[in-house]
Amino acid sequence: MKRLTYLLLAVMMLGMTACLEYGLEELPSYEDANITDFYFEYRYQVTANGNTVTNFMRLTNANRTIGDETVSLTVRIPAASGTFTASEREKVTLSNIIGYCYISTAATIEPIEGAPKFGALGNYTAPVKYKVTAADGKTSKIWTITATME
């Protein structure tokens, strides 16, 4: 009796999977491979009561121009406040910041030619390049990011 139950259950499961792909419409893939926004942050550590915590300070985009496969930014270091002290503020340079960006829906991005990985400490003292690939997997663009600091 158990064998018959298991056999019936297996047949039902196999029979139902055939309809999972039948009749589904083919959805279009996105063809955009753009960077729509870019910003930086500075990370620093603070020790209090014997515990070390990593904090971050988002740098202000004083000027940002997003062109045809180029992003030019002028970043400003926020004023010292709280745990972001004046001495910590003096340590912020383009060679020790972290970059982030927004890209087209379902696209992917990868650093090329030695550009820093996103979310990791990087050097943006010279222009860096990233390859953005659209969701369709066919369209890609090479973006150049140029940053200066006020």
C-alpha atoms as a PDB file:
ATOM      1  CA  MET A   1       0.000   0.000   0.000  1.00  0.00           C
ATOM      2  CA  LYS A   2       2.858   2.387   0.825  1.00  0.00           C
ATOM      3  CA  ARG A   3       4.533   1.665  -2.504  1.00  0.00           C
ATOM      4  CA  LEU A   4       1.356   2.468  -4.377  1.00  0.00           C
ATOM      5  CA  THR A   5       0.993   5.763  -2.466  1.00  0.00           C
ATOM      6  CA  TYR A   6       4.593   6.771  -3.216  1.00  0.00           C
ATOM      7  CA  LEU A   7       4.222   5.793  -6.867  1.00  0.00           C
ATOM      8  CA  LEU A   8       0.991   7.787  -7.201  1.00  0.00           C
ATOM      9  CA  LEU A   9       2.594  10.793  -5.495  1.00  0.00           C
ATOM     10  CA  ALA A  10       5.629  10.641  -7.814  1.00  0.00           C
ATOM     11  CA  VAL A  11       3.448  10.448 -10.919  1.00  0.00           C
ATOM     12  CA  MET A  12       1.411  13.446  -9.760  1.00  0.00           C
ATOM     13  CA  MET A  13       4.535  15.503  -9.092  1.00  0.00           C
ATOM     14  CA  LEU A  14       6.014  14.728 -12.489  1.00  0.00           C
ATOM     15  CA  GLY A  15       2.738  15.428 -14.232  1.00  0.00           C
ATOM     16  CA  MET A  16       2.393  18.862 -12.642  1.00  0.00           C
ATOM     17  CA  THR A  17       5.870  20.081 -13.523  1.00  0.00           C
ATOM     18  CA  ALA A  18       5.199  19.950 -17.259  1.00  0.00           C
ATOM     19  CA  CYS A  19       2.824  22.904 -17.054  1.00  0.00           C
ATOM     20  CA  LEU A  20       5.294  25.187 -15.274  1.00  0.00           C
ATOM     21  CA  GLU A  21       6.856  26.413 -18.512  1.00  0.00           C
ATOM     22  CA  TYR A  22       4.033  25.906 -20.948  1.00  0.00           C
ATOM     23  CA  GLY A  23       2.353  29.053 -22.234  1.00  0.00           C
ATOM     24  CA  LEU A  24       4.544  31.569 -20.404  1.00  0.00           C
ATOM     25  CA  GLU A  25       5.193  34.710 -22.378  1.00  0.00           C
ATOM     26  CA  GLU A  26       8.775  35.696 -23.108  1.00  0.00           C
ATOM     27  CA  LEU A  27       9.524  38.877 -21.164  1.00  0.00           C
ATOM     28  CA  PRO A  28      11.886  41.461 -22.650  1.00  0.00           C
ATOM     29  CA  SER A  29      15.264  42.013 -21.034  1.00  0.00           C
ATOM     30  CA  TYR A  30      16.448  45.470 -20.155  1.00  0.00           C
ATOM     31  CA  GLU A  31      18.990  46.934 -22.575  1.00  0.00           C
ATOM     32  CA  ASP A  32      20.232  49.832 -20.406  1.00  0.00           C
ATOM     33  CA  ALA A  33      23.811  49.754 -19.121  1.00  0.00           C
ATOM     34  CA  ASN A  34      24.001  53.078 -17.314  1.00  0.00           C
ATOM     35  CA  ILE A  35      25.383  54.493 -14.107  1.00  0.00           C
ATOM     36  CA  THR A  36      22.652  56.747 -12.747  1.00  0.00           C
ATOM     37  CA  ASP A  37      24.318  57.980  -9.549  1.00  0.00           C
ATOM     38  CA  PHE A  38      27.702  57.764  -7.839  1.00  0.00           C
ATOM     39  CA  TYR A  39      28.897  58.625  -4.343  1.00  0.00           C
ATOM     40  CA  PHE A  40      31.705  58.004  -1.875  1.00  0.00           C
ATOM     41  CA  GLU A  41      32.058  57.301   1.824  1.00  0.00           C
ATOM     42  CA  TYR A  42      34.924  57.252   4.290  1.00  0.00           C
ATOM     43  CA  ARG A  43      35.193  54.509   6.922  1.00  0.00           C
ATOM     44  CA  TYR A  44      36.944  54.870  10.227  1.00  0.00           C
ATOM     45  CA  GLN A  45      37.147  52.997  13.505  1.00  0.00           C
ATOM     46  CA  VAL A  46      36.169  54.214  16.936  1.00  0.00           C
ATOM     47  CA  THR A  47      37.057  52.433  20.180  1.00  0.00           C
ATOM     48  CA  ALA A  48      34.831  52.923  23.198  1.00  0.00           C
ATOM     49  CA  ASN A  49      34.573  50.793  26.340  1.00  0.00           C
ATOM     50  CA  GLY A  50      37.039  48.313  24.842  1.00  0.00           C
ATOM     51  CA  ASN A  51      34.910  47.738  21.733  1.00  0.00           C
ATOM     52  CA  THR A  52      36.013  48.791  18.266  1.00  0.00           C
ATOM     53  CA  VAL A  53      33.262  49.850  15.867  1.00  0.00           C
ATOM     54  CA  THR A  54      33.597  50.804  12.207  1.00  0.00           C
ATOM     55  CA  ASN A  55      31.709  54.002  11.375  1.00  0.00           C
ATOM     56  CA  PHE A  56      31.252  55.686   8.039  1.00  0.00           C
ATOM     57  CA  MET A  57      30.840  59.233   6.811  1.00  0.00           C
ATOM     58  CA  ARG A  58      29.185  59.764   3.462  1.00  0.00           C
ATOM     59  CA  LEU A  59      30.999  62.407   1.435  1.00  0.00           C
ATOM     60  CA  THR A  60      28.894  65.136  -0.128  1.00  0.00           C
ATOM     61  CA  ASN A  61      28.680  65.445  -3.897  1.00  0.00           C
ATOM     62  CA  ALA A  62      29.361  69.154  -4.333  1.00  0.00           C
ATOM     63  CA  ASN A  63      29.183  68.781  -8.088  1.00  0.00           C
ATOM     64  CA  ARG A  64      28.253  65.731 -10.151  1.00  0.00           C
ATOM     65  CA  THR A  65      27.960  65.408 -13.909  1.00  0.00           C
ATOM     66  CA  ILE A  66      26.786  62.173 -15.476  1.00  0.00           C
ATOM     67  CA  GLY A  67      27.490  62.213 -19.191  1.00  0.00           C
ATOM     68  CA  ASP A  68      27.736  59.695 -21.956  1.00  0.00           C
ATOM     69  CA  GLU A  69      29.728  56.921 -20.245  1.00  0.00           C
ATOM     70  CA  THR A  70      31.443  59.386 -17.900  1.00  0.00           C
ATOM     71  CA  VAL A  71      30.836  60.494 -14.340  1.00  0.00           C
ATOM     72  CA  SER A  72      32.665  63.538 -12.972  1.00  0.00           C
ATOM     73  CA  LEU A  73      32.387  64.313  -9.274  1.00  0.00           C
ATOM     74  CA  THR A  74      33.662  66.942  -6.919  1.00  0.00           C
ATOM     75  CA  VAL A  75      33.304  65.646  -3.385  1.00  0.00           C
ATOM     76  CA  ARG A  76      33.274  67.620  -0.187  1.00  0.00           C
ATOM     77  CA  ILE A  77      34.230  66.300   3.245  1.00  0.00           C
ATOM     78  CA  PRO A  78      31.475  67.010   5.800  1.00  0.00           C
ATOM     79  CA  ALA A  79      32.275  69.053   8.893  1.00  0.00           C
ATOM     80  CA  ALA A  80      33.576  67.268  11.954  1.00  0.00           C
ATOM     81  CA  SER A  81      30.841  66.140  14.330  1.00  0.00           C
ATOM     82  CA  GLY A  82      30.335  63.366  16.876  1.00  0.00           C
ATOM     83  CA  THR A  83      32.778  60.520  16.343  1.00  0.00           C
ATOM     84  CA  PHE A  84      33.916  62.057  13.038  1.00  0.00           C
ATOM     85  CA  THR A  85      36.469  64.305  14.694  1.00  0.00           C
ATOM     86  CA  ALA A  86      38.609  67.012  13.123  1.00  0.00           C
ATOM     87  CA  SER A  87      41.665  64.713  13.260  1.00  0.00           C
ATOM     88  CA  GLU A  88      39.702  61.945  11.519  1.00  0.00           C
ATOM     89  CA  ARG A  89      38.443  64.442   8.934  1.00  0.00           C
ATOM     90  CA  GLU A  90      42.041  65.348   8.035  1.00  0.00           C
ATOM     91  CA  LYS A  91      42.721  61.708   7.072  1.00  0.00           C
ATOM     92  CA  VAL A  92      40.132  61.679   4.254  1.00  0.00           C
ATOM     93  CA  THR A  93      41.698  61.666   0.789  1.00  0.00           C
ATOM     94  CA  LEU A  94      40.743  60.336  -2.636  1.00  0.00           C
ATOM     95  CA  SER A  95      43.168  57.460  -2.038  1.00  0.00           C
ATOM     96  CA  ASN A  96      41.297  55.966   0.942  1.00  0.00           C
ATOM     97  CA  ILE A  97      37.575  56.154   0.218  1.00  0.00           C
ATOM     98  CA  ILE A  98      34.880  53.713  -0.857  1.00  0.00           C
ATOM     99  CA  GLY A  99      32.793  54.134  -4.008  1.00  0.00           C
ATOM    100  CA  TYR A 100      29.169  53.174  -4.579  1.00  0.00           C
ATOM    101  CA  CYS A 101      26.827  53.675  -7.480  1.00  0.00           C
ATOM    102  CA  TYR A 102      23.348  53.089  -8.836  1.00  0.00           C
ATOM    103  CA  ILE A 103      23.056  51.339 -12.176  1.00  0.00           C
ATOM    104  CA  SER A 104      20.290  50.409 -14.620  1.00  0.00           C
ATOM    105  CA  THR A 105      17.680  47.862 -13.546  1.00  0.00           C
ATOM    106  CA  ALA A 106      19.047  44.292 -13.432  1.00  0.00           C
ATOM    107  CA  ALA A 107      22.422  45.350 -14.891  1.00  0.00           C
ATOM    108  CA  THR A 108      25.742  44.196 -13.457  1.00  0.00           C
ATOM    109  CA  ILE A 109      28.941  46.151 -12.914  1.00  0.00           C
ATOM    110  CA  GLU A 110      32.568  45.121 -12.650  1.00  0.00           C
ATOM    111  CA  PRO A 111      35.799  47.043 -12.153  1.00  0.00           C
ATOM    112  CA  ILE A 112      38.261  46.972 -15.054  1.00  0.00           C
ATOM    113  CA  GLU A 113      41.832  48.111 -15.560  1.00  0.00           C
ATOM    114  CA  GLY A 114      42.597  48.023 -11.830  1.00  0.00           C
ATOM    115  CA  ALA A 115      39.590  50.044 -10.632  1.00  0.00           C
ATOM    116  CA  PRO A 116      38.608  49.495  -6.983  1.00  0.00           C
ATOM    117  CA  LYS A 117      35.834  47.044  -6.164  1.00  0.00           C
ATOM    118  CA  PHE A 118      32.665  48.637  -4.854  1.00  0.00           C
ATOM    119  CA  GLY A 119      32.320  48.482  -1.099  1.00  0.00           C
ATOM    120  CA  ALA A 120      36.083  48.116  -0.633  1.00  0.00           C
ATOM    121  CA  LEU A 121      38.651  50.777   0.164  1.00  0.00           C
ATOM    122  CA  GLY A 122      39.919  52.261  -3.082  1.00  0.00           C
ATOM    123  CA  ASN A 123      42.083  54.866  -4.727  1.00  0.00           C
ATOM    124  CA  TYR A 124      40.216  57.419  -6.860  1.00  0.00           C
ATOM    125  CA  THR A 125      43.084  59.896  -7.364  1.00  0.00           C
ATOM    126  CA  ALA A 126      43.110  59.051 -11.096  1.00  0.00           C
ATOM    127  CA  PRO A 127      40.175  58.207 -13.379  1.00  0.00           C
ATOM    128  CA  VAL A 128      38.890  54.634 -12.959  1.00  0.00           C
ATOM    129  CA  LYS A 129      36.820  52.448 -15.274  1.00  0.00           C
ATOM    130  CA  TYR A 130      33.868  50.119 -14.742  1.00  0.00           C
ATOM    131  CA  LYS A 131      32.047  47.893 -17.194  1.00  0.00           C
ATOM    132  CA  VAL A 132      28.258  47.919 -16.885  1.00  0.00           C
ATOM    133  CA  THR A 133      26.437  45.047 -18.598  1.00  0.00           C
ATOM    134  CA  ALA A 134      22.702  45.290 -19.229  1.00  0.00           C
ATOM    135  CA  ALA A 135      20.244  42.598 -18.174  1.00  0.00           C
ATOM    136  CA  ASP A 136      20.047  41.348 -21.754  1.00  0.00           C
ATOM    137  CA  GLY A 137      23.699  40.263 -21.463  1.00  0.00           C
ATOM    138  CA  LYS A 138      24.466  41.767 -24.873  1.00  0.00           C
ATOM    139  CA  THR A 139      24.699  45.497 -24.200  1.00  0.00           C
ATOM    140  CA  SER A 140      27.639  46.848 -22.211  1.00  0.00           C
ATOM    141  CA  LYS A 141      29.326  50.185 -21.671  1.00  0.00           C
ATOM    142  CA  ILE A 142      32.676  51.194 -20.232  1.00  0.00           C
ATOM    143  CA  TRP A 143      32.208  54.053 -17.760  1.00  0.00           C
ATOM    144  CA  THR A 144      35.004  56.376 -16.622  1.00  0.00           C
ATOM    145  CA  ILE A 145      34.737  57.904 -13.149  1.00  0.00           C
ATOM    146  CA  THR A 146      36.744  61.038 -12.399  1.00  0.00           C
ATOM    147  CA  ALA A 147      36.761  62.465  -8.868  1.00  0.00           C
ATOM    148  CA  THR A 148      38.219  65.595  -7.315  1.00  0.00           C
ATOM    149  CA  MET A 149      38.021  66.802  -3.745  1.00  0.00           C
ATOM    150  CA  GLU A 150      37.208  70.306  -2.508  1.00  0.00           C
END
